[in-house]
Amino acid sequence: MVRRIGVNVNQITHNVNREMHASARDEATAAHTVRQRRKLIGRLEVIITQADRK
């Protein structure tokens, strides 16, 4: 899932750099992707904390 999010961000970045503008859809997709990434990082932090306690 982290890899898929990274691919989405790279595609958006590539399109913005190529066309020198981002559509409203690109911006919404990027914002959604960042929210997904934050959730995943939060989950990873919990997993790492739990693993450290064992």
C-alpha atoms as a PDB file:
ATOM      1  CA  MET A   1       0.000   0.000   0.000  1.00  0.00           C
ATOM      2  CA  VAL A   2       2.862   2.386   0.810  1.00  0.00           C
ATOM      3  CA  ARG A   3       4.382   1.597  -2.583  1.00  0.00           C
ATOM      4  CA  ARG A   4       1.087   2.318  -4.344  1.00  0.00           C
ATOM      5  CA  ILE A   5       0.801   5.683  -2.585  1.00  0.00           C
ATOM      6  CA  GLY A   6       4.350   6.532  -3.622  1.00  0.00           C
ATOM      7  CA  VAL A   7       3.569   5.655  -7.232  1.00  0.00           C
ATOM      8  CA  ASN A   8       0.516   7.942  -7.157  1.00  0.00           C
ATOM      9  CA  VAL A   9       2.556  10.840  -5.779  1.00  0.00           C
ATOM     10  CA  ASN A  10       5.251  10.279  -8.413  1.00  0.00           C
ATOM     11  CA  GLN A  11       2.687  10.246 -11.225  1.00  0.00           C
ATOM     12  CA  ILE A  12       1.113  13.482 -10.041  1.00  0.00           C
ATOM     13  CA  THR A  13       4.509  15.134  -9.647  1.00  0.00           C
ATOM     14  CA  HIS A  14       5.565  14.012 -13.115  1.00  0.00           C
ATOM     15  CA  ASN A  15       2.378  15.408 -14.668  1.00  0.00           C
ATOM     16  CA  VAL A  16       2.705  18.720 -12.852  1.00  0.00           C
ATOM     17  CA  ASN A  17       6.339  19.106 -13.899  1.00  0.00           C
ATOM     18  CA  ARG A  18       5.573  18.176 -17.499  1.00  0.00           C
ATOM     19  CA  GLU A  19       2.520  20.398 -17.885  1.00  0.00           C
ATOM     20  CA  MET A  20       3.569  23.030 -15.332  1.00  0.00           C
ATOM     21  CA  HIS A  21       0.122  23.049 -13.765  1.00  0.00           C
ATOM     22  CA  ALA A  22      -2.050  20.814 -11.641  1.00  0.00           C
ATOM     23  CA  SER A  23      -5.752  20.296 -12.139  1.00  0.00           C
ATOM     24  CA  ALA A  24      -8.211  20.413  -9.274  1.00  0.00           C
ATOM     25  CA  ARG A  25      -8.449  16.629  -9.576  1.00  0.00           C
ATOM     26  CA  ASP A  26      -4.650  16.292  -9.256  1.00  0.00           C
ATOM     27  CA  GLU A  27      -4.678  18.460  -6.153  1.00  0.00           C
ATOM     28  CA  ALA A  28      -7.528  16.468  -4.608  1.00  0.00           C
ATOM     29  CA  THR A  29      -5.755  13.194  -5.396  1.00  0.00           C
ATOM     30  CA  ALA A  30      -2.532  14.480  -3.871  1.00  0.00           C
ATOM     31  CA  ALA A  31      -4.335  15.612  -0.715  1.00  0.00           C
ATOM     32  CA  HIS A  32      -6.079  12.247  -0.428  1.00  0.00           C
ATOM     33  CA  THR A  33      -2.770  10.460  -0.910  1.00  0.00           C
ATOM     34  CA  VAL A  34      -1.137  12.504   1.850  1.00  0.00           C
ATOM     35  CA  ARG A  35      -4.007  11.652   4.220  1.00  0.00           C
ATOM     36  CA  GLN A  36      -3.599   7.942   3.402  1.00  0.00           C
ATOM     37  CA  ARG A  37       0.119   8.179   4.033  1.00  0.00           C
ATOM     38  CA  ARG A  38      -0.428   9.843   7.410  1.00  0.00           C
ATOM     39  CA  LYS A  39      -2.796   7.048   8.436  1.00  0.00           C
ATOM     40  CA  LEU A  40      -0.302   4.384   7.382  1.00  0.00           C
ATOM     41  CA  ILE A  41       2.537   6.091   9.225  1.00  0.00           C
ATOM     42  CA  GLY A  42       0.350   6.272  12.329  1.00  0.00           C
ATOM     43  CA  ARG A  43      -0.329   2.544  12.092  1.00  0.00           C
ATOM     44  CA  LEU A  44       3.363   1.806  11.590  1.00  0.00           C
ATOM     45  CA  GLU A  45       4.252   3.861  14.657  1.00  0.00           C
ATOM     46  CA  VAL A  46       1.809   1.793  16.731  1.00  0.00           C
ATOM     47  CA  ILE A  47       3.204  -1.475  15.365  1.00  0.00           C
ATOM     48  CA  ILE A  48       6.789  -0.388  16.016  1.00  0.00           C
ATOM     49  CA  THR A  49       5.951   0.768  19.547  1.00  0.00           C
ATOM     50  CA  GLN A  50       4.236  -2.537  20.296  1.00  0.00           C
ATOM     51  CA  ALA A  51       7.168  -4.500  18.873  1.00  0.00           C
ATOM     52  CA  ASP A  52       9.615  -2.526  21.029  1.00  0.00           C
ATOM     53  CA  ARG A  53       7.669  -3.491  24.150  1.00  0.00           C
ATOM     54  CA  LYS A  54       8.018  -7.221  23.433  1.00  0.00           C
END
